[in-house]
Amino acid sequence: MLADFTLQINISPGDLAYADIIVRQLVKHHASVPNKLLVVDCCKPQKTKLVNPEIKFPEPAFTEKVNALSLLVESFQRDHLFTEVKFLFPEDAIFELLSKKYTNRVIQTTHGAGGTAQMAYWAGIELATTRYVIHFDGDILMYQKSGYEWWKEAAILMNQENKAIFAIPRNAPCANIDSTIPTKYEGTEIVLHESFWLHNWFSTRVFMIDKHKLERSMPLISGKLYLQLLLRKLPFRAFPLDPEIIFFRSLGLKKGYRRLILLNKDAWTLHPTEKTDQFISLLPRMVDSINNNRVPQKQLFNEDLLLDEWNFFLSE
């Protein structure tokens, strides 16, 4: 069964300050997964109405970060953290394949309208040769109880639930508190079942995807969405769409697929929204506290990390 899984992590120059700590933790939490793929996105976002890369990612700083990231990846390889590493540089030959297979050639750029990754997500899914791909962005913090492996439970439940194409552990800490929803702020459809929730949103921060089900829905952009995006493409209005919106439109709204969120309290994730110097300074202690399932009270059922609360909590 383990041969059916690939752990897949994405990092980019923006993750440089914290990737060494976080990536190693994610690999540790998934130690028994035999296939481990790292995608290193070295592409600068293209210019859009929302992003000017010359201002947001100036040279030579961007290239210097790419070089530093490459050195960090070398340390990962020396420590045998990954079985495969894929660097993505501008004009990579794989982009044509990904554009055709995943977006019906509607999207040919590497990033979304706001500068978020596009091709790196498709590459992570495509390059994994296993049925299940366990994806993490390179900034995700995670707790997992010793002896528990969330992806095994998720795969069993996904096989029992035809609608489930994505699965994740809880996306916020919960202590031992029961609740009818996984986080405090759920703005879209979510349905409680005995061992999981089914959610119609498809965040790309963390997910395990069933590629067997995905293949039946390719390309992701077709029909009405294809025509809408062609129209949006002409005046460059909010184009390209981010992958999670494409997943939501093509898998959720069109196909009726859902994201399965485990009820099991033995694993959960946190997403840091502030990558400040304070975050970097607190990170080692936060990781230690998270590994012991200790979080600030106000962090419970919040999926975004509350940095001020952690600062106070760790100073007590």
Protein backbone atom coordinates (compact mmCIF):
# COMPACT_ATOMS: atom_id res chain seq x y z
CA MET A 1 0.00 0.00 0.00
CA LEU A 2 2.81 2.47 0.82
CA ALA A 3 4.03 2.21 -2.76
CA ASP A 4 0.81 3.99 -3.79
CA PHE A 5 1.86 7.24 -2.09
CA THR A 6 4.19 10.12 -2.95
CA LEU A 7 4.98 12.96 -0.57
CA GLN A 8 5.31 16.08 -2.73
CA ILE A 9 6.52 19.44 -1.39
CA ASN A 10 6.78 22.75 -3.27
CA ILE A 11 9.30 25.43 -2.37
CA SER A 12 10.29 28.70 -4.02
CA PRO A 13 12.71 31.54 -3.26
CA GLY A 14 10.08 33.10 -1.01
CA ASP A 15 10.37 30.09 1.33
CA LEU A 16 14.12 30.40 1.80
CA ALA A 17 14.12 31.77 5.35
CA TYR A 18 12.14 28.92 6.89
CA ALA A 19 12.22 26.02 4.41
CA ASP A 20 15.09 24.19 6.10
CA ILE A 21 13.11 23.75 9.31
CA ILE A 22 9.64 23.22 7.86
CA VAL A 23 10.54 20.91 4.99
CA ARG A 24 12.53 18.63 7.28
CA GLN A 25 9.58 18.46 9.67
CA LEU A 26 7.15 17.56 6.90
CA VAL A 27 9.45 14.81 5.65
CA LYS A 28 9.81 13.50 9.21
CA HIS A 29 6.03 13.33 9.63
CA HIS A 30 5.82 11.26 6.42
CA ALA A 31 8.92 9.15 6.95
CA SER A 32 7.30 5.88 5.90
CA VAL A 33 6.19 7.23 2.51
CA PRO A 34 8.74 5.70 0.11
CA ASN A 35 8.40 8.23 -2.72
CA LYS A 36 9.32 11.82 -1.90
CA LEU A 37 9.31 14.52 -4.58
CA LEU A 38 10.52 18.10 -4.12
CA VAL A 39 9.50 20.71 -6.71
CA VAL A 40 11.71 23.82 -6.60
CA ASP A 41 10.01 26.70 -8.41
CA CYS A 42 12.72 29.08 -9.62
CA CYS A 43 10.45 31.02 -11.99
CA LYS A 44 9.73 34.69 -11.39
CA PRO A 45 6.01 35.49 -11.70
CA GLN A 46 5.07 37.10 -14.98
CA LYS A 47 3.75 40.66 -15.17
CA THR A 48 0.00 41.00 -14.66
CA LYS A 49 -2.36 43.81 -13.74
CA LEU A 50 -1.80 42.85 -10.12
CA VAL A 51 1.93 42.07 -10.09
CA ASN A 52 4.97 43.86 -11.46
CA PRO A 53 7.84 41.39 -10.99
CA GLU A 54 10.48 44.09 -11.49
CA ILE A 55 9.17 45.77 -8.34
CA LYS A 56 8.06 42.79 -6.25
CA PHE A 57 10.94 40.49 -7.23
CA PRO A 58 13.83 42.82 -8.10
CA GLU A 59 17.20 41.72 -9.37
CA PRO A 60 19.78 40.77 -8.32
CA ALA A 61 17.99 39.80 -5.09
CA PHE A 62 15.72 37.25 -6.78
CA THR A 63 18.58 35.42 -8.49
CA GLU A 64 20.57 35.47 -5.27
CA LYS A 65 17.67 33.78 -3.48
CA VAL A 66 17.42 31.17 -6.24
CA ASN A 67 21.11 30.40 -5.80
CA ALA A 68 20.75 30.16 -2.02
CA LEU A 69 17.71 27.91 -2.42
CA SER A 70 19.73 25.62 -4.69
CA LEU A 71 22.35 25.27 -1.94
CA LEU A 72 19.64 24.41 0.56
CA VAL A 73 18.28 21.74 -1.77
CA GLU A 74 21.78 20.29 -2.03
CA SER A 75 21.72 19.83 1.75
CA PHE A 76 18.37 18.03 1.44
CA GLN A 77 19.88 15.72 -1.15
CA ARG A 78 22.95 15.01 0.96
CA ASP A 79 20.61 13.95 3.76
CA HIS A 80 18.55 11.80 1.37
CA LEU A 81 15.30 13.59 2.20
CA PHE A 82 13.85 13.14 -1.30
CA THR A 83 13.88 10.42 -3.91
CA GLU A 84 13.39 12.99 -6.70
CA VAL A 85 14.00 16.73 -7.06
CA LYS A 86 12.66 18.81 -9.93
CA PHE A 87 13.87 22.38 -10.49
CA LEU A 88 11.53 24.52 -12.55
CA PHE A 89 13.21 27.28 -14.54
CA PRO A 90 11.66 29.60 -17.17
CA GLU A 91 11.04 27.90 -20.51
CA ASP A 92 11.15 24.41 -18.98
CA ALA A 93 9.94 21.88 -21.54
CA ILE A 94 7.45 20.44 -19.06
CA PHE A 95 5.32 23.60 -19.15
CA GLU A 96 3.92 22.79 -22.61
CA LEU A 97 2.82 19.35 -21.41
CA LEU A 98 1.25 20.76 -18.24
CA SER A 99 -0.52 23.53 -20.14
CA LYS A 100 -2.06 21.04 -22.56
CA LYS A 101 -2.95 18.31 -20.09
CA TYR A 102 -4.24 20.38 -17.17
CA THR A 103 -5.50 23.65 -18.67
CA ASN A 104 -6.33 22.78 -22.30
CA ARG A 105 -3.59 25.26 -23.32
CA VAL A 106 -5.62 28.17 -21.93
CA ILE A 107 -2.91 28.91 -19.33
CA GLN A 108 0.70 28.93 -20.47
CA THR A 109 2.28 31.13 -17.81
CA THR A 110 3.98 29.89 -14.65
CA HIS A 111 1.96 31.88 -12.10
CA GLY A 112 -1.51 33.15 -11.36
CA ALA A 113 -2.73 36.73 -11.66
CA GLY A 114 -1.64 37.55 -8.11
CA GLY A 115 1.78 35.97 -8.40
CA THR A 116 0.90 32.65 -6.79
CA ALA A 117 2.24 29.41 -8.24
CA GLN A 118 0.47 27.76 -11.16
CA MET A 119 2.71 25.35 -13.07
CA ALA A 120 4.51 24.18 -9.92
CA TYR A 121 1.27 22.61 -8.64
CA TRP A 122 0.57 20.83 -11.91
CA ALA A 123 4.19 19.64 -12.04
CA GLY A 124 3.99 18.18 -8.55
CA ILE A 125 0.94 16.13 -9.48
CA GLU A 126 2.21 15.13 -12.90
CA LEU A 127 5.70 14.03 -11.89
CA ALA A 128 4.41 11.78 -9.11
CA THR A 129 3.81 8.34 -10.59
CA THR A 130 1.69 6.99 -7.73
CA ARG A 131 -2.07 6.96 -7.29
CA TYR A 132 -1.99 9.27 -4.25
CA VAL A 133 -0.01 12.50 -4.14
CA ILE A 134 0.39 14.10 -0.71
CA HIS A 135 1.12 17.75 -1.39
CA PHE A 136 2.36 20.42 1.00
CA ASP A 137 3.37 23.99 0.36
CA GLY A 138 6.77 24.64 1.89
CA ASP A 139 5.43 26.86 4.68
CA ILE A 140 2.91 24.48 6.29
CA LEU A 141 3.34 23.59 9.96
CA MET A 142 2.01 20.23 11.09
CA TYR A 143 1.25 18.16 14.16
CA GLN A 144 0.93 14.40 13.94
CA LYS A 145 0.72 12.08 16.91
CA SER A 146 3.46 9.47 17.09
CA GLY A 147 2.35 6.24 15.45
CA TYR A 148 -0.47 7.86 13.45
CA GLU A 149 -0.22 8.31 9.68
CA TRP A 150 -3.07 10.49 8.48
CA TRP A 151 -2.76 9.63 4.78
CA LYS A 152 -3.48 5.94 5.38
CA GLU A 153 -6.80 6.68 7.06
CA ALA A 154 -7.58 9.24 4.38
CA ALA A 155 -6.99 6.76 1.54
CA ILE A 156 -9.29 4.19 3.13
CA LEU A 157 -12.08 6.76 3.49
CA MET A 158 -11.54 8.14 -0.02
CA ASN A 159 -12.02 4.64 -1.41
CA GLN A 160 -15.32 4.41 0.45
CA GLU A 161 -16.53 7.87 -0.61
CA ASN A 162 -16.81 8.29 -4.37
CA LYS A 163 -17.13 12.06 -4.11
CA ALA A 164 -13.78 12.47 -2.32
CA ILE A 165 -10.95 13.40 -4.70
CA PHE A 166 -8.95 15.46 -2.17
CA ALA A 167 -8.23 14.63 1.47
CA ILE A 168 -6.49 16.51 4.26
CA PRO A 169 -5.92 16.15 7.99
CA ARG A 170 -7.68 18.69 10.18
CA ASN A 171 -6.66 22.14 8.98
CA ALA A 172 -6.54 23.68 12.46
CA PRO A 173 -5.65 22.49 15.97
CA CYS A 174 -8.62 21.42 18.09
CA ALA A 175 -7.19 20.02 21.39
CA ASN A 176 -9.78 17.48 22.56
CA ILE A 177 -12.74 19.67 21.71
CA ASP A 178 -15.48 18.31 19.44
CA SER A 179 -17.04 20.60 16.86
CA THR A 180 -19.42 20.46 13.93
CA ILE A 181 -16.99 22.29 11.62
CA PRO A 182 -13.17 22.01 11.38
CA THR A 183 -12.42 25.75 11.66
CA LYS A 184 -14.18 28.83 12.99
CA TYR A 185 -14.57 30.38 9.56
CA GLU A 186 -16.18 28.13 6.97
CA GLY A 187 -17.78 30.13 4.19
CA THR A 188 -18.66 27.37 1.75
CA GLU A 189 -20.58 24.09 1.80
CA ILE A 190 -19.29 21.58 4.37
CA VAL A 191 -21.11 18.40 5.43
CA LEU A 192 -20.34 16.37 8.55
CA HIS A 193 -20.13 12.56 8.30
CA GLU A 194 -19.16 9.94 10.89
CA SER A 195 -15.37 10.12 10.37
CA PHE A 196 -14.90 13.17 8.15
CA TRP A 197 -16.29 16.31 6.63
CA LEU A 198 -16.90 16.77 2.91
CA HIS A 199 -16.03 20.28 1.76
CA ASN A 200 -16.58 21.83 -1.67
CA TRP A 201 -13.44 24.01 -1.49
CA PHE A 202 -10.05 22.76 -2.74
CA SER A 203 -7.21 24.64 -1.07
CA THR A 204 -3.82 23.92 -2.63
CA ARG A 205 -1.83 24.54 0.56
CA VAL A 206 -2.23 20.92 1.66
CA PHE A 207 -3.94 18.06 -0.11
CA MET A 208 -3.79 14.41 -0.95
CA ILE A 209 -5.23 13.84 -4.40
CA ASP A 210 -6.42 10.59 -5.97
CA LYS A 211 -4.91 10.68 -9.46
CA HIS A 212 -7.15 7.85 -10.65
CA LYS A 213 -10.18 10.06 -10.08
CA LEU A 214 -8.38 13.13 -11.40
CA GLU A 215 -7.56 11.48 -14.73
CA ARG A 216 -11.28 11.14 -15.41
CA SER A 217 -11.65 14.93 -15.19
CA MET A 218 -8.82 16.05 -17.44
CA PRO A 219 -8.27 18.61 -18.78
CA LEU A 220 -9.42 20.67 -15.81
CA ILE A 221 -10.39 23.57 -18.04
CA SER A 222 -13.09 22.71 -20.56
CA GLY A 223 -16.61 23.64 -21.59
CA LYS A 224 -18.05 26.76 -19.97
CA LEU A 225 -14.93 27.46 -17.89
CA TYR A 226 -12.78 27.23 -21.03
CA LEU A 227 -14.87 29.84 -22.83
CA GLN A 228 -15.00 32.12 -19.77
CA LEU A 229 -11.24 32.04 -19.38
CA LEU A 230 -10.67 32.76 -23.06
CA LEU A 231 -12.77 35.89 -22.62
CA ARG A 232 -10.96 36.87 -19.43
CA LYS A 233 -7.62 36.30 -21.14
CA LEU A 234 -8.15 38.99 -23.76
CA PRO A 235 -8.21 42.05 -21.44
CA PHE A 236 -6.01 40.28 -18.83
CA ARG A 237 -8.62 40.62 -16.10
CA ALA A 238 -7.69 38.42 -13.12
CA PHE A 239 -5.97 35.96 -15.42
CA PRO A 240 -4.72 33.30 -14.96
CA LEU A 241 -6.95 31.90 -12.24
CA ASP A 242 -5.22 30.23 -9.30
CA PRO A 243 -5.21 26.40 -9.28
CA GLU A 244 -7.51 26.18 -6.26
CA ILE A 245 -10.17 28.17 -8.09
CA ILE A 246 -9.75 25.93 -11.13
CA PHE A 247 -10.15 22.88 -8.88
CA PHE A 248 -13.24 24.41 -7.28
CA ARG A 249 -14.85 25.22 -10.62
CA SER A 250 -13.93 22.02 -12.48
CA LEU A 251 -13.94 19.34 -9.77
CA GLY A 252 -16.39 20.80 -7.27
CA LEU A 253 -19.04 22.73 -9.17
CA LYS A 254 -18.91 20.77 -12.42
CA LYS A 255 -18.15 17.20 -11.30
CA GLY A 256 -19.53 17.18 -7.75
CA TYR A 257 -16.23 16.12 -6.16
CA ARG A 258 -15.37 17.15 -2.62
CA ARG A 259 -12.40 17.56 -0.28
CA LEU A 260 -12.45 15.10 2.61
CA ILE A 261 -11.30 16.54 5.96
CA LEU A 262 -10.53 13.95 8.63
CA LEU A 263 -12.23 14.26 12.01
CA ASN A 264 -9.32 12.46 13.66
CA LYS A 265 -7.64 14.81 16.15
CA ASP A 266 -4.25 13.08 15.85
CA ALA A 267 -3.06 15.28 12.98
CA TRP A 268 -3.59 18.90 12.00
CA THR A 269 -1.93 21.74 10.08
CA LEU A 270 -1.36 25.47 10.45
CA HIS A 271 -0.77 28.05 7.74
CA PRO A 272 1.48 31.01 8.62
CA THR A 273 0.33 34.17 6.85
CA GLU A 274 3.02 36.45 8.32
CA LYS A 275 6.60 35.45 7.41
CA THR A 276 8.20 38.28 9.41
CA ASP A 277 11.49 38.30 11.30
CA GLN A 278 9.45 37.55 14.41
CA PHE A 279 8.00 34.45 12.78
CA ILE A 280 11.46 33.23 11.80
CA SER A 281 12.74 33.86 15.32
CA LEU A 282 9.85 31.99 16.95
CA LEU A 283 9.75 29.15 14.44
CA PRO A 284 12.02 26.61 16.23
CA ARG A 285 10.04 26.99 19.46
CA MET A 286 6.71 26.91 17.63
CA VAL A 287 7.69 23.67 15.90
CA ASP A 288 8.70 22.14 19.24
CA SER A 289 5.42 23.21 20.83
CA ILE A 290 3.36 21.98 17.87
CA ASN A 291 5.13 18.61 17.98
CA ASN A 292 3.90 18.35 21.57
CA ASN A 293 0.36 19.37 20.57
CA ARG A 294 0.60 22.59 22.59
CA VAL A 295 -0.89 25.75 21.06
CA PRO A 296 -2.32 29.05 22.32
CA GLN A 297 -5.96 28.81 23.32
CA LYS A 298 -7.01 31.34 20.68
CA GLN A 299 -5.26 29.28 17.98
CA LEU A 300 -7.78 26.46 18.36
CA PHE A 301 -9.97 26.10 15.24
CA ASN A 302 -8.01 28.84 13.42
CA GLU A 303 -6.21 27.56 10.34
CA ASP A 304 -4.05 30.68 9.93
CA LEU A 305 -1.26 31.01 12.48
CA LEU A 306 -1.89 33.82 14.99
CA LEU A 307 1.62 35.16 15.41
CA ASP A 308 0.91 37.60 18.26
CA GLU A 309 -0.76 34.82 20.25
CA TRP A 310 2.24 32.57 19.73
CA ASN A 311 4.63 35.30 20.80
CA PHE A 312 2.74 35.71 24.07
CA PHE A 313 2.28 31.95 24.53
CA LEU A 314 5.97 31.15 24.08
CA SER A 315 7.08 33.97 26.37
CA GLU A 316 5.08 32.71 29.35
